Full PDB file with SEQRES, HELIX, SHEET, SSBOND, CRYST1, ORIGX, SCALE, CONECT and MASTER records, all heavy atoms in Angstrom:
SEQRES   1 A   32  ALA ARG ARG ALA ALA LYS GLU LEU GLY LYS LYS TYR GLU          
SEQRES   2 A   32  GLU SER ARG LEU VAL VAL ALA HIS LEU GLY GLY GLY ILE          
SEQRES   3 A   32  SER VAL GLY ALA HIS LEU                                      
HELIX    1 AA1 ARG A    2  GLU A    7  1                                   6    
HELIX    2 AA2 TYR A   12  GLU A   14  5                                   3    
SHEET    1 AA1 2 LEU A  17  LEU A  22  0                                        
SHEET    2 AA1 2 ILE A  26  HIS A  31 -1                                        
CRYST1    1.000    1.000    1.000  90.00  90.00  90.00 P 1           1          
ORIGX1      1.000000  0.000000  0.000000        0.00000                         
ORIGX2      0.000000  1.000000  0.000000        0.00000                         
ORIGX3      0.000000  0.000000  1.000000        0.00000                         
SCALE1      1.000000  0.000000  0.000000        0.00000                         
SCALE2      0.000000  1.000000  0.000000        0.00000                         
SCALE3      0.000000  0.000000  1.000000        0.00000                         
ATOM      1  N   ALA A   1       0.833  -1.204   0.000  1.00  0.00           N  
ATOM      2  CA  ALA A   1       0.000   0.000   0.000  1.00  0.00           C  
ATOM      3  C   ALA A   1       0.868   1.255   0.000  1.00  0.00           C  
ATOM      4  O   ALA A   1       0.585   2.228  -0.714  1.00  0.00           O  
ATOM      5  CB  ALA A   1      -0.925  -0.004   1.214  1.00  0.00           C  
ATOM      6  N   ARG A   2       1.937   1.238   0.779  1.00  0.00           N  
ATOM      7  CA  ARG A   2       2.874   2.371   0.783  1.00  0.00           C  
ATOM      8  C   ARG A   2       3.517   2.546  -0.592  1.00  0.00           C  
ATOM      9  O   ARG A   2       3.704   3.665  -1.078  1.00  0.00           O  
ATOM     10  CB  ARG A   2       3.957   2.156   1.842  1.00  0.00           C  
ATOM     11  CG  ARG A   2       3.467   2.281   3.276  1.00  0.00           C  
ATOM     12  CD  ARG A   2       4.596   2.014   4.268  1.00  0.00           C  
ATOM     13  NE  ARG A   2       4.119   2.039   5.631  1.00  0.00           N  
ATOM     14  CZ  ARG A   2       3.955   3.150   6.362  1.00  0.00           C  
ATOM     15  NH1 ARG A   2       4.247   4.324   5.824  1.00  0.00           N  
ATOM     16  NH2 ARG A   2       3.506   3.085   7.599  1.00  0.00           N  
ATOM     17  N   ARG A   3       3.859   1.419  -1.209  1.00  0.00           N  
ATOM     18  CA  ARG A   3       4.487   1.461  -2.535  1.00  0.00           C  
ATOM     19  C   ARG A   3       3.533   2.058  -3.571  1.00  0.00           C  
ATOM     20  O   ARG A   3       3.926   2.889  -4.396  1.00  0.00           O  
ATOM     21  CB  ARG A   3       4.906   0.042  -2.938  1.00  0.00           C  
ATOM     22  CG  ARG A   3       5.580  -0.074  -4.279  1.00  0.00           C  
ATOM     23  CD  ARG A   3       6.017  -1.517  -4.498  1.00  0.00           C  
ATOM     24  NE  ARG A   3       6.474  -1.731  -5.858  1.00  0.00           N  
ATOM     25  CZ  ARG A   3       6.836  -2.914  -6.347  1.00  0.00           C  
ATOM     26  NH1 ARG A   3       6.803  -3.984  -5.560  1.00  0.00           N  
ATOM     27  NH2 ARG A   3       7.234  -3.038  -7.604  1.00  0.00           N  
ATOM     28  N   ALA A   4       2.268   1.641  -3.523  1.00  0.00           N  
ATOM     29  CA  ALA A   4       1.283   2.167  -4.464  1.00  0.00           C  
ATOM     30  C   ALA A   4       1.054   3.660  -4.240  1.00  0.00           C  
ATOM     31  O   ALA A   4       0.959   4.440  -5.198  1.00  0.00           O  
ATOM     32  CB  ALA A   4      -0.029   1.403  -4.322  1.00  0.00           C  
ATOM     33  N   ALA A   5       0.956   4.049  -2.981  1.00  0.00           N  
ATOM     34  CA  ALA A   5       0.757   5.467  -2.668  1.00  0.00           C  
ATOM     35  C   ALA A   5       1.903   6.308  -3.227  1.00  0.00           C  
ATOM     36  O   ALA A   5       1.680   7.390  -3.785  1.00  0.00           O  
ATOM     37  CB  ALA A   5       0.637   5.649  -1.154  1.00  0.00           C  
ATOM     38  N   LYS A   6       3.120   5.798  -3.094  1.00  0.00           N  
ATOM     39  CA  LYS A   6       4.290   6.513  -3.620  1.00  0.00           C  
ATOM     40  C   LYS A   6       4.197   6.660  -5.133  1.00  0.00           C  
ATOM     41  O   LYS A   6       4.497   7.721  -5.691  1.00  0.00           O  
ATOM     42  CB  LYS A   6       5.565   5.763  -3.231  1.00  0.00           C  
ATOM     43  CG  LYS A   6       6.841   6.511  -3.564  1.00  0.00           C  
ATOM     44  CD  LYS A   6       8.055   5.770  -3.018  1.00  0.00           C  
ATOM     45  CE  LYS A   6       9.336   6.540  -3.312  1.00  0.00           C  
ATOM     46  NZ  LYS A   6      10.531   5.824  -2.787  1.00  0.00           N  
ATOM     47  N   GLU A   7       3.744   5.602  -5.821  1.00  0.00           N  
ATOM     48  CA  GLU A   7       3.583   5.688  -7.280  1.00  0.00           C  
ATOM     49  C   GLU A   7       2.507   6.691  -7.662  1.00  0.00           C  
ATOM     50  O   GLU A   7       2.565   7.309  -8.731  1.00  0.00           O  
ATOM     51  CB  GLU A   7       3.236   4.312  -7.856  1.00  0.00           C  
ATOM     52  CG  GLU A   7       4.414   3.354  -7.936  1.00  0.00           C  
ATOM     53  CD  GLU A   7       4.171   2.224  -8.911  1.00  0.00           C  
ATOM     54  OE1 GLU A   7       3.616   2.480 -10.002  1.00  0.00           O  
ATOM     55  OE2 GLU A   7       4.544   1.079  -8.590  1.00  0.00           O  
ATOM     56  N   LEU A   8       1.529   6.863  -6.785  1.00  0.00           N  
ATOM     57  CA  LEU A   8       0.463   7.835  -7.032  1.00  0.00           C  
ATOM     58  C   LEU A   8       0.889   9.256  -6.688  1.00  0.00           C  
ATOM     59  O   LEU A   8       0.133  10.208  -6.910  1.00  0.00           O  
ATOM     60  CB  LEU A   8      -0.774   7.466  -6.203  1.00  0.00           C  
ATOM     61  CG  LEU A   8      -1.530   6.201  -6.619  1.00  0.00           C  
ATOM     62  CD1 LEU A   8      -2.512   5.799  -5.523  1.00  0.00           C  
ATOM     63  CD2 LEU A   8      -2.264   6.418  -7.937  1.00  0.00           C  
ATOM     64  N   GLY A   9       2.082   9.396  -6.115  1.00  0.00           N  
ATOM     65  CA  GLY A   9       2.554  10.706  -5.695  1.00  0.00           C  
ATOM     66  C   GLY A   9       1.915  11.180  -4.409  1.00  0.00           C  
ATOM     67  O   GLY A   9       1.815  12.380  -4.154  1.00  0.00           O  
ATOM     68  N   LYS A  10       1.477  10.230  -3.580  1.00  0.00           N  
ATOM     69  CA  LYS A  10       0.825  10.560  -2.318  1.00  0.00           C  
ATOM     70  C   LYS A  10       1.537   9.894  -1.162  1.00  0.00           C  
ATOM     71  O   LYS A  10       2.326   8.970  -1.340  1.00  0.00           O  
ATOM     72  CB  LYS A  10      -0.633  10.058  -2.327  1.00  0.00           C  
ATOM     73  CG  LYS A  10      -1.555  10.736  -3.303  1.00  0.00           C  
ATOM     74  CD  LYS A  10      -2.980  10.256  -3.066  1.00  0.00           C  
ATOM     75  CE  LYS A  10      -3.978  11.090  -3.854  1.00  0.00           C  
ATOM     76  NZ  LYS A  10      -5.367  10.807  -3.453  1.00  0.00           N  
ATOM     77  N   LYS A  11       1.213  10.342   0.046  1.00  0.00           N  
ATOM     78  CA  LYS A  11       1.594   9.618   1.240  1.00  0.00           C  
ATOM     79  C   LYS A  11       0.558   8.523   1.474  1.00  0.00           C  
ATOM     80  O   LYS A  11      -0.616   8.675   1.104  1.00  0.00           O  
ATOM     81  CB  LYS A  11       1.649  10.545   2.456  1.00  0.00           C  
ATOM     82  CG  LYS A  11       2.754  11.585   2.404  1.00  0.00           C  
ATOM     83  CD  LYS A  11       2.737  12.443   3.663  1.00  0.00           C  
ATOM     84  CE  LYS A  11       3.849  13.475   3.637  1.00  0.00           C  
ATOM     85  NZ  LYS A  11       3.829  14.332   4.853  1.00  0.00           N  
ATOM     86  N   TYR A  12       0.995   7.439   2.090  1.00  0.00           N  
ATOM     87  CA  TYR A  12       0.065   6.366   2.427  1.00  0.00           C  
ATOM     88  C   TYR A  12      -1.072   6.908   3.288  1.00  0.00           C  
ATOM     89  O   TYR A  12      -2.235   6.536   3.109  1.00  0.00           O  
ATOM     90  CB  TYR A  12       0.829   5.258   3.152  1.00  0.00           C  
ATOM     91  CG  TYR A  12      -0.023   4.141   3.725  1.00  0.00           C  
ATOM     92  CD1 TYR A  12      -0.991   3.495   2.956  1.00  0.00           C  
ATOM     93  CD2 TYR A  12       0.148   3.729   5.040  1.00  0.00           C  
ATOM     94  CE1 TYR A  12      -1.768   2.471   3.481  1.00  0.00           C  
ATOM     95  CE2 TYR A  12      -0.611   2.691   5.575  1.00  0.00           C  
ATOM     96  CZ  TYR A  12      -1.579   2.070   4.791  1.00  0.00           C  
ATOM     97  OH  TYR A  12      -2.336   1.056   5.322  1.00  0.00           O  
ATOM     98  N   GLU A  13      -0.739   7.821   4.182  1.00  0.00           N  
ATOM     99  CA  GLU A  13      -1.727   8.387   5.112  1.00  0.00           C  
ATOM    100  C   GLU A  13      -2.716   9.322   4.406  1.00  0.00           C  
ATOM    101  O   GLU A  13      -3.670   9.803   5.036  1.00  0.00           O  
ATOM    102  CB  GLU A  13      -1.019   9.121   6.239  1.00  0.00           C  
ATOM    103  CG  GLU A  13      -0.226   8.229   7.171  1.00  0.00           C  
ATOM    104  CD  GLU A  13       1.092   7.727   6.581  1.00  0.00           C  
ATOM    105  OE1 GLU A  13       1.552   8.296   5.563  1.00  0.00           O  
ATOM    106  OE2 GLU A  13       1.661   6.766   7.135  1.00  0.00           O  
ATOM    107  N   GLU A  14      -2.513   9.568   3.123  1.00  0.00           N  
ATOM    108  CA  GLU A  14      -3.430  10.420   2.345  1.00  0.00           C  
ATOM    109  C   GLU A  14      -4.225   9.611   1.315  1.00  0.00           C  
ATOM    110  O   GLU A  14      -5.003  10.179   0.556  1.00  0.00           O  
ATOM    111  CB  GLU A  14      -2.640  11.501   1.602  1.00  0.00           C  
ATOM    112  CG  GLU A  14      -1.844  12.432   2.493  1.00  0.00           C  
ATOM    113  CD  GLU A  14      -0.879  13.327   1.710  1.00  0.00           C  
ATOM    114  OE1 GLU A  14      -0.557  12.997   0.544  1.00  0.00           O  
ATOM    115  OE2 GLU A  14      -0.456  14.353   2.271  1.00  0.00           O  
ATOM    116  N   SER A  15      -4.032   8.292   1.315  1.00  0.00           N  
ATOM    117  CA  SER A  15      -4.542   7.468   0.220  1.00  0.00           C  
ATOM    118  C   SER A  15      -5.752   6.629   0.615  1.00  0.00           C  
ATOM    119  O   SER A  15      -5.952   6.308   1.785  1.00  0.00           O  
ATOM    120  CB  SER A  15      -3.432   6.540  -0.282  1.00  0.00           C  
ATOM    121  OG  SER A  15      -2.302   7.289  -0.697  1.00  0.00           O  
ATOM    122  N   ARG A  16      -6.536   6.278  -0.423  1.00  0.00           N  
ATOM    123  CA  ARG A  16      -7.686   5.391  -0.278  1.00  0.00           C  
ATOM    124  C   ARG A  16      -7.443   4.210  -1.228  1.00  0.00           C  
ATOM    125  O   ARG A  16      -7.512   4.366  -2.453  1.00  0.00           O  
ATOM    126  CB  ARG A  16      -8.979   6.127  -0.644  1.00  0.00           C  
ATOM    127  CG  ARG A  16      -9.194   7.420   0.147  1.00  0.00           C  
ATOM    128  CD  ARG A  16     -10.322   8.248  -0.438  1.00  0.00           C  
ATOM    129  NE  ARG A  16     -11.622   7.619  -0.282  1.00  0.00           N  
ATOM    130  CZ  ARG A  16     -12.472   7.895   0.707  1.00  0.00           C  
ATOM    131  NH1 ARG A  16     -12.152   8.787   1.639  1.00  0.00           N  
ATOM    132  NH2 ARG A  16     -13.632   7.291   0.777  1.00  0.00           N  
ATOM    133  N   LEU A  17      -7.164   3.038  -0.656  1.00  0.00           N  
ATOM    134  CA  LEU A  17      -6.708   1.898  -1.447  1.00  0.00           C  
ATOM    135  C   LEU A  17      -7.457   0.627  -1.056  1.00  0.00           C  
ATOM    136  O   LEU A  17      -7.880   0.472   0.096  1.00  0.00           O  
ATOM    137  CB  LEU A  17      -5.206   1.667  -1.225  1.00  0.00           C  
ATOM    138  CG  LEU A  17      -4.272   2.864  -1.439  1.00  0.00           C  
ATOM    139  CD1 LEU A  17      -2.912   2.590  -0.811  1.00  0.00           C  
ATOM    140  CD2 LEU A  17      -4.113   3.146  -2.923  1.00  0.00           C  
ATOM    141  N   VAL A  18      -7.585  -0.280  -2.009  1.00  0.00           N  
ATOM    142  CA  VAL A  18      -8.025  -1.643  -1.719  1.00  0.00           C  
ATOM    143  C   VAL A  18      -6.868  -2.564  -2.087  1.00  0.00           C  
ATOM    144  O   VAL A  18      -6.360  -2.508  -3.208  1.00  0.00           O  
ATOM    145  CB  VAL A  18      -9.290  -2.029  -2.506  1.00  0.00           C  
ATOM    146  CG1 VAL A  18      -9.641  -3.501  -2.261  1.00  0.00           C  
ATOM    147  CG2 VAL A  18     -10.456  -1.139  -2.120  1.00  0.00           C  
ATOM    148  N   VAL A  19      -6.443  -3.376  -1.130  1.00  0.00           N  
ATOM    149  CA  VAL A  19      -5.299  -4.270  -1.344  1.00  0.00           C  
ATOM    150  C   VAL A  19      -5.764  -5.716  -1.223  1.00  0.00           C  
ATOM    151  O   VAL A  19      -6.415  -6.087  -0.232  1.00  0.00           O  
ATOM    152  CB  VAL A  19      -4.173  -3.998  -0.322  1.00  0.00           C  
ATOM    153  CG1 VAL A  19      -2.980  -4.917  -0.595  1.00  0.00           C  
ATOM    154  CG2 VAL A  19      -3.738  -2.538  -0.382  1.00  0.00           C  
ATOM    155  N   ALA A  20      -5.433  -6.517  -2.238  1.00  0.00           N  
ATOM    156  CA  ALA A  20      -5.763  -7.940  -2.231  1.00  0.00           C  
ATOM    157  C   ALA A  20      -4.470  -8.750  -2.198  1.00  0.00           C  
ATOM    158  O   ALA A  20      -3.676  -8.690  -3.143  1.00  0.00           O  
ATOM    159  CB  ALA A  20      -6.583  -8.306  -3.468  1.00  0.00           C  
ATOM    160  N   HIS A  21      -4.259  -9.467  -1.108  1.00  0.00           N  
ATOM    161  CA  HIS A  21      -3.099 -10.351  -0.967  1.00  0.00           C  
ATOM    162  C   HIS A  21      -3.545 -11.761  -1.342  1.00  0.00           C  
ATOM    163  O   HIS A  21      -4.427 -12.338  -0.703  1.00  0.00           O  
ATOM    164  CB  HIS A  21      -2.565 -10.324   0.464  1.00  0.00           C  
ATOM    165  CG  HIS A  21      -1.455 -11.297   0.705  1.00  0.00           C  
ATOM    166  ND1 HIS A  21      -0.138 -10.901   0.819  1.00  0.00           N  
ATOM    167  CD2 HIS A  21      -1.461 -12.647   0.843  1.00  0.00           C  
ATOM    168  CE1 HIS A  21       0.609 -11.980   1.022  1.00  0.00           C  
ATOM    169  NE2 HIS A  21      -0.177 -13.052   1.030  1.00  0.00           N  
ATOM    170  N   LEU A  22      -2.909 -12.321  -2.367  1.00  0.00           N  
ATOM    171  CA  LEU A  22      -3.295 -13.631  -2.887  1.00  0.00           C  
ATOM    172  C   LEU A  22      -2.185 -14.636  -2.625  1.00  0.00           C  
ATOM    173  O   LEU A  22      -1.150 -14.635  -3.299  1.00  0.00           O  
ATOM    174  CB  LEU A  22      -3.560 -13.543  -4.399  1.00  0.00           C  
ATOM    175  CG  LEU A  22      -4.416 -12.370  -4.891  1.00  0.00           C  
ATOM    176  CD1 LEU A  22      -4.549 -12.416  -6.407  1.00  0.00           C  
ATOM    177  CD2 LEU A  22      -5.788 -12.383  -4.226  1.00  0.00           C  
ATOM    178  N   GLY A  23      -2.396 -15.510  -1.639  1.00  0.00           N  
ATOM    179  CA  GLY A  23      -1.424 -16.547  -1.325  1.00  0.00           C  
ATOM    180  C   GLY A  23      -2.161 -17.810  -0.925  1.00  0.00           C  
ATOM    181  O   GLY A  23      -3.258 -18.083  -1.410  1.00  0.00           O  
ATOM    182  N   GLY A  24      -1.555 -18.611  -0.025  1.00  0.00           N  
ATOM    183  CA  GLY A  24      -2.243 -19.790   0.495  1.00  0.00           C  
ATOM    184  C   GLY A  24      -3.550 -19.398   1.149  1.00  0.00           C  
ATOM    185  O   GLY A  24      -4.549 -20.108   1.095  1.00  0.00           O  
ATOM    186  N   GLY A  25      -3.550 -18.214   1.799  1.00  0.00           N  
ATOM    187  CA  GLY A  25      -4.759 -17.548   2.273  1.00  0.00           C  
ATOM    188  C   GLY A  25      -4.914 -16.259   1.489  1.00  0.00           C  
ATOM    189  O   GLY A  25      -3.942 -15.727   0.941  1.00  0.00           O  
ATOM    190  N   ILE A  26      -6.119 -15.757   1.410  1.00  0.00           N  
ATOM    191  CA  ILE A  26      -6.384 -14.523   0.660  1.00  0.00           C  
ATOM    192  C   ILE A  26      -7.010 -13.504   1.598  1.00  0.00           C  
ATOM    193  O   ILE A  26      -7.972 -13.811   2.310  1.00  0.00           O  
ATOM    194  CB  ILE A  26      -7.319 -14.791  -0.534  1.00  0.00           C  
ATOM    195  CG1 ILE A  26      -6.570 -15.609  -1.603  1.00  0.00           C  
ATOM    196  CG2 ILE A  26      -7.840 -13.485  -1.133  1.00  0.00           C  
ATOM    197  CD1 ILE A  26      -7.432 -16.027  -2.785  1.00  0.00           C  
ATOM    198  N   SER A  27      -6.437 -12.299   1.630  1.00  0.00           N  
ATOM    199  CA  SER A  27      -7.031 -11.217   2.415  1.00  0.00           C  
ATOM    200  C   SER A  27      -7.206  -9.995   1.528  1.00  0.00           C  
ATOM    201  O   SER A  27      -6.356  -9.678   0.701  1.00  0.00           O  
ATOM    202  CB  SER A  27      -6.164 -10.863   3.634  1.00  0.00           C  
ATOM    203  OG  SER A  27      -4.886 -10.387   3.249  1.00  0.00           O  
ATOM    204  N   VAL A  28      -8.346  -9.328   1.694  1.00  0.00           N  
ATOM    205  CA  VAL A  28      -8.651  -8.110   0.948  1.00  0.00           C  
ATOM    206  C   VAL A  28      -8.996  -7.032   1.966  1.00  0.00           C  
ATOM    207  O   VAL A  28      -9.872  -7.237   2.818  1.00  0.00           O  
ATOM    208  CB  VAL A  28      -9.820  -8.316  -0.032  1.00  0.00           C  
ATOM    209  CG1 VAL A  28     -10.070  -7.042  -0.844  1.00  0.00           C  
ATOM    210  CG2 VAL A  28      -9.547  -9.499  -0.967  1.00  0.00           C  
ATOM    211  N   GLY A  29      -8.286  -5.906   1.906  1.00  0.00           N  
ATOM    212  CA  GLY A  29      -8.469  -4.864   2.904  1.00  0.00           C  
ATOM    213  C   GLY A  29      -8.754  -3.507   2.305  1.00  0.00           C  
ATOM    214  O   GLY A  29      -8.264  -3.167   1.224  1.00  0.00           O  
ATOM    215  N   ALA A  30      -9.565  -2.727   3.016  1.00  0.00           N  
ATOM    216  CA  ALA A  30      -9.843  -1.338   2.654  1.00  0.00           C  
ATOM    217  C   ALA A  30      -8.925  -0.436   3.472  1.00  0.00           C  
ATOM    218  O   ALA A  30      -9.032  -0.384   4.704  1.00  0.00           O  
ATOM    219  CB  ALA A  30     -11.305  -1.006   2.927  1.00  0.00           C  
ATOM    220  N   HIS A  31      -8.014   0.265   2.809  1.00  0.00           N  
ATOM    221  CA  HIS A  31      -7.031   1.134   3.466  1.00  0.00           C  
ATOM    222  C   HIS A  31      -7.490   2.583   3.319  1.00  0.00           C  
ATOM    223  O   HIS A  31      -7.520   3.127   2.214  1.00  0.00           O  
ATOM    224  CB  HIS A  31      -5.653   0.973   2.821  1.00  0.00           C  
ATOM    225  CG  HIS A  31      -5.054  -0.386   2.989  1.00  0.00           C  
ATOM    226  ND1 HIS A  31      -3.816  -0.588   3.567  1.00  0.00           N  
ATOM    227  CD2 HIS A  31      -5.504  -1.626   2.637  1.00  0.00           C  
ATOM    228  CE1 HIS A  31      -3.534  -1.881   3.569  1.00  0.00           C  
ATOM    229  NE2 HIS A  31      -4.539  -2.527   3.005  1.00  0.00           N  
ATOM    230  N   LEU A  32      -7.827   3.195   4.430  1.00  0.00           N  
ATOM    231  CA  LEU A  32      -8.304   4.578   4.423  1.00  0.00           C  
ATOM    232  C   LEU A  32      -7.347   5.446   5.226  1.00  0.00           C  
ATOM    233  O   LEU A  32      -7.266   5.332   6.458  1.00  0.00           O  
ATOM    234  CB  LEU A  32      -9.718   4.654   5.015  1.00  0.00           C  
ATOM    235  CG  LEU A  32     -10.325   6.058   5.110  1.00  0.00           C  
ATOM    236  CD1 LEU A  32     -10.516   6.662   3.717  1.00  0.00           C  
ATOM    237  CD2 LEU A  32     -11.659   6.012   5.852  1.00  0.00           C  
TER     238      LEU A  32                                                      
MASTER        0    0    0    2    2    0    0    6  237    1    0    3          
END                                                                             
């Protein structure tokens, strides 16, 4: 999420993101 925010030219603390981690388990989170 921090990496994506940086690519967007924002701070993570200023971003609204949905992150999907796909592994043996899958988690999807709303980052506000």
